[in-house]
Protein backbone atom coordinates (compact mmCIF):
# COMPACT_ATOMS: atom_id res chain seq x y z
CA MET A 1 28.59 -46.37 3.24
CA VAL A 2 25.90 -49.17 1.03
CA ILE A 3 27.76 -52.45 1.16
CA GLN A 4 27.14 -53.87 -2.65
CA LEU A 5 25.64 -57.22 -2.72
CA LYS A 6 26.26 -59.67 -5.36
CA ILE A 7 24.65 -63.08 -4.58
CA ASP A 8 24.85 -65.74 -7.30
CA ARG A 9 22.80 -68.57 -5.92
CA VAL A 10 21.17 -69.35 -2.13
CA LEU A 11 22.18 -73.24 -0.91
CA GLN A 12 20.83 -72.81 2.76
CA SER A 13 17.20 -71.62 4.27
CA SER A 14 15.86 -68.44 3.06
CA PHE A 15 18.76 -65.77 2.26
CA ALA A 16 16.45 -62.21 2.85
CA LEU A 17 18.27 -58.96 4.35
CA LYS A 18 15.51 -57.92 7.47
CA ALA A 19 16.17 -55.10 9.85
CA LEU A 20 19.41 -55.69 10.93
CA ASN A 21 21.61 -58.21 9.34
CA LEU A 22 25.42 -59.50 10.16
CA LEU A 23 26.46 -60.54 6.97
CA PHE A 24 29.38 -63.21 7.21
CA VAL A 25 31.79 -63.49 4.49
CA PHE A 26 34.08 -67.23 4.74
CA GLN A 27 35.97 -69.16 2.22
CA VAL A 28 35.47 -72.94 2.84
CA ASN A 29 39.47 -72.75 2.14
CA CYS A 30 40.29 -70.95 5.33
CA PRO A 31 40.83 -72.67 8.66
CA GLY A 32 40.54 -69.14 10.96
CA CYS A 33 36.24 -68.94 9.14
CA PHE A 34 36.18 -72.27 11.14
CA ILE A 35 37.63 -72.40 14.02
CA TYR A 36 36.59 -69.07 15.26
CA GLY A 37 34.07 -67.61 12.54
CA PHE A 38 31.09 -70.26 12.51
CA PRO A 39 31.43 -71.25 16.19
CA LEU A 40 30.68 -67.57 16.51
CA VAL A 41 28.46 -66.41 14.55
CA ASN A 42 26.36 -69.95 14.77
CA LYS A 43 25.97 -68.77 18.96
CA LEU A 44 24.81 -65.33 17.90
CA HIS A 45 22.20 -66.68 15.47
CA TRP A 46 20.54 -68.43 17.94
CA LYS A 47 21.30 -65.92 20.78
CA TYR A 48 19.55 -63.08 19.20
CA CYS A 49 17.63 -64.58 16.48
CA GLN A 50 14.56 -63.69 18.78
CA SER A 51 15.72 -60.09 19.31
CA GLY A 52 16.09 -58.66 16.07
CA LEU A 53 19.88 -60.38 14.54
CA ASN A 54 19.41 -61.73 10.90
CA VAL A 55 22.77 -63.75 10.44
CA LEU A 56 23.38 -64.57 6.55
CA GLY A 57 26.59 -66.48 5.32
CA ILE A 58 27.83 -65.22 2.01
CA SER A 59 30.88 -67.90 0.83
CA THR A 60 33.42 -66.32 -1.05
CA ALA A 61 36.77 -66.33 -3.21
CA PHE A 62 39.31 -64.39 -3.83
CA GLU A 63 42.41 -66.64 -4.08
CA ASP A 64 42.78 -70.79 -4.60
CA PHE A 65 39.56 -70.45 -6.43
CA GLU A 66 40.17 -74.24 -6.77
CA TYR A 67 39.30 -74.74 -3.24
CA ASN A 68 36.80 -71.93 -2.57
CA THR A 69 33.89 -72.59 -5.09
CA ALA A 70 29.96 -73.52 -4.69
CA ALA A 71 30.25 -76.89 -4.94
CA ASN A 72 32.58 -77.25 -2.21
CA THR A 73 30.36 -74.98 0.32
CA GLU A 74 27.32 -77.04 -0.64
CA LEU A 75 29.00 -80.21 0.71
CA LEU A 76 29.91 -78.13 3.59
CA LEU A 77 26.65 -78.07 4.03
CA THR A 78 25.10 -81.01 3.22
CA GLU A 79 27.94 -83.72 4.44
CA MET A 80 30.02 -81.30 6.44
CA LYS A 81 33.08 -82.27 4.70
CA LEU A 82 36.13 -79.60 4.47
CA VAL A 83 38.60 -78.72 2.17
CA GLY A 84 42.35 -77.79 1.44
CA ALA A 85 43.97 -75.98 4.06
CA THR A 86 41.08 -76.49 6.60
CA ARG A 87 40.60 -80.18 5.91
CA GLN A 88 44.54 -80.47 6.86
CA ALA A 89 44.05 -78.28 10.10
CA LEU A 90 40.61 -79.52 11.22
CA GLY A 91 40.09 -83.39 9.77
CA GLU A 92 37.83 -84.41 6.67
CA PHE A 93 34.66 -83.17 8.66
CA TYR A 94 33.42 -79.67 10.41
CA SER A 95 31.67 -80.99 13.44
CA GLN A 96 30.05 -77.74 14.31
CA ALA A 97 26.77 -76.63 13.23
CA ILE A 98 25.84 -74.12 10.62
CA ASP A 99 22.10 -73.33 10.84
CA PHE A 100 21.86 -69.99 9.22
CA PRO A 101 20.90 -68.86 5.55
CA VAL A 102 24.00 -69.25 3.25
CA ALA A 103 24.54 -68.16 -0.44
CA VAL A 104 27.22 -68.08 -2.60
CA ASP A 105 29.15 -64.81 -3.81
CA GLN A 106 28.92 -63.80 -7.57
CA LEU A 107 31.84 -65.49 -9.00
CA THR A 108 33.13 -63.64 -12.31
CA THR A 109 35.54 -62.49 -14.61
CA GLY A 110 37.25 -59.03 -15.14
CA THR A 111 35.70 -58.56 -18.56
CA LEU A 112 32.31 -59.45 -17.33
CA PHE A 113 32.62 -57.51 -14.04
CA ALA A 114 33.54 -53.93 -15.67
CA THR A 115 30.63 -52.83 -16.40
CA LEU A 116 29.57 -49.05 -15.54
CA GLU A 117 27.24 -50.03 -12.79
CA ASN A 118 30.33 -51.53 -10.72
CA THR A 119 32.65 -48.76 -12.38
CA GLU A 120 30.29 -46.60 -10.27
CA ALA A 121 29.94 -48.36 -7.14
CA LEU A 122 33.73 -48.30 -6.61
CA THR A 123 34.36 -44.72 -7.94
CA GLU A 124 31.84 -43.79 -5.40
CA THR A 125 33.74 -45.06 -2.37
CA ILE A 126 36.60 -42.74 -3.46
CA PRO A 127 36.60 -40.06 -1.03
CA GLY A 128 35.70 -36.20 -2.29
CA PHE A 129 35.08 -38.20 -6.07
CA ASP A 130 31.64 -36.03 -6.42
CA HIS A 131 33.55 -32.63 -6.05
CA LEU A 132 36.41 -33.47 -8.79
CA PRO A 133 36.67 -31.80 -11.65
CA LYS A 134 34.60 -33.82 -14.39
CA SER A 135 37.95 -34.47 -16.48
CA GLU A 136 39.76 -36.09 -13.01
CA GLN A 137 36.26 -37.82 -12.49
CA ALA A 138 36.59 -39.45 -16.23
CA ILE A 139 40.19 -40.60 -14.91
CA LEU A 140 39.62 -42.10 -12.49
CA ARG A 141 36.57 -44.45 -13.89
CA GLN A 142 38.94 -44.94 -16.34
CA LYS A 143 41.61 -46.22 -13.64
CA VAL A 144 38.68 -48.55 -11.69
CA ASN A 145 37.56 -49.85 -14.68
CA ALA A 146 41.21 -50.95 -15.69
CA TYR A 147 41.21 -52.07 -12.21
CA LEU A 148 38.25 -54.44 -12.50
CA GLN A 149 39.26 -55.70 -15.83
CA ARG A 150 42.86 -57.06 -14.47
CA TYR A 151 40.92 -60.17 -12.64
CA ALA A 152 40.94 -63.30 -14.24
CA LYS A 153 38.44 -64.17 -11.47
CA THR A 154 36.88 -62.08 -8.68
CA SER A 155 34.16 -62.59 -6.52
CA ALA A 156 31.80 -59.63 -6.35
CA THR A 157 30.57 -58.34 -3.00
CA PHE A 158 34.43 -59.01 -2.07
CA THR A 159 35.98 -56.83 -4.32
CA LEU A 160 33.14 -53.76 -4.39
CA ASN A 161 33.08 -53.69 -1.10
CA HIS A 162 36.79 -53.67 -0.54
CA LEU A 163 36.88 -56.68 1.83
CA LEU A 164 40.29 -57.49 3.33
CA GLY A 165 40.25 -60.83 3.69
CA THR A 166 38.25 -63.49 5.57
CA PRO A 167 36.39 -64.19 7.76
CA THR A 168 34.57 -60.53 7.21
CA PHE A 169 31.45 -59.32 9.34
CA LEU A 170 29.27 -56.63 8.04
CA LEU A 171 26.85 -55.11 10.25
CA VAL A 172 23.66 -53.46 8.04
CA ASP A 173 20.33 -52.56 7.73
CA GLN A 174 17.27 -53.64 5.82
CA ASN A 175 18.80 -51.04 3.23
CA LEU A 176 22.52 -52.69 3.38
CA GLN A 177 23.62 -49.33 5.07
CA LEU A 178 27.04 -50.49 6.63
CA LEU A 179 26.58 -50.51 10.52
CA ASP A 180 29.51 -51.43 11.75
CA GLY A 181 32.35 -54.08 10.00
CA TRP A 182 35.38 -56.05 11.04
CA PHE A 183 37.70 -58.01 9.75
CA GLY A 184 39.83 -61.50 11.34
CA TYR A 185 39.24 -62.72 15.27
CA THR A 186 37.75 -60.48 17.29
CA PRO A 187 37.06 -61.38 21.08
CA GLU A 188 33.33 -62.57 21.54
CA ALA A 189 33.04 -60.23 24.09
CA ALA A 190 33.71 -57.21 21.70
CA VAL A 191 31.50 -58.43 18.88
CA ILE A 192 28.71 -58.77 21.78
CA GLU A 193 29.12 -55.43 22.74
CA ARG A 194 29.01 -54.03 18.96
CA ILE A 195 25.57 -55.97 18.43
CA GLU A 196 23.73 -55.23 21.40
CA LYS A 197 24.54 -51.33 20.96
CA HIS A 198 22.43 -51.84 17.32
CA LEU A 199 20.01 -54.44 18.75
CA CYS A 200 18.99 -51.84 21.56
CA THR A 201 19.26 -48.93 18.72
CA PHE A 202 16.95 -50.96 16.46
CA LYS A 203 14.64 -51.82 19.70
CA ARG A 204 14.26 -47.91 20.39
CA VAL A 205 13.67 -46.76 16.80
CA THR A 206 10.78 -49.80 16.39
CA GLN A 207 9.28 -48.79 19.96
CA GLU A 208 9.06 -45.00 18.39
CA LEU A 209 7.47 -46.20 15.50
CA CYS A 210 4.59 -48.30 17.06
CA LYS A 211 3.83 -45.05 19.32
């Protein structure tokens, strides 16, 4: 599966894909993202940045659009200010570092979102779609297009990839091919095991290419 990455703008550092990337998808109005998401991801950033892991944060919104905004994400990064439920849980300011690049998911409306490109991107994720009769493919495309249009607001990366919520973690290569992914709280040891498995593969392939 290829991840559809739709970025509105970059807020911090250089947001660029490398050979192995960990995409950390979060909302600013998501206490769990701050309680165990950010501390873990920042630790992974410093632990593996020299080993080839590229950590990238994506601020998204699938609910509470009045809180989950680019402006509030910018306040977080520049002044460490918290909002909404996160502020109620943790206080006015966030006390831990956010050292990795961060960009904002593309916020749009259903009418603008229901393009031919996005419709095709979603239909391609339907199992066996390519083997269906042309008439059935056309019906499914119409249903997907109607599904996209029903959103008053939506974030493109979040919706196109059928993400379950935040925090979501996606391990991808430079072509956005999904290598691994998980949602919500996952024990640190399990996350490290997953990442080191792919780092070992990455290192082995690199060594073979350099022979």
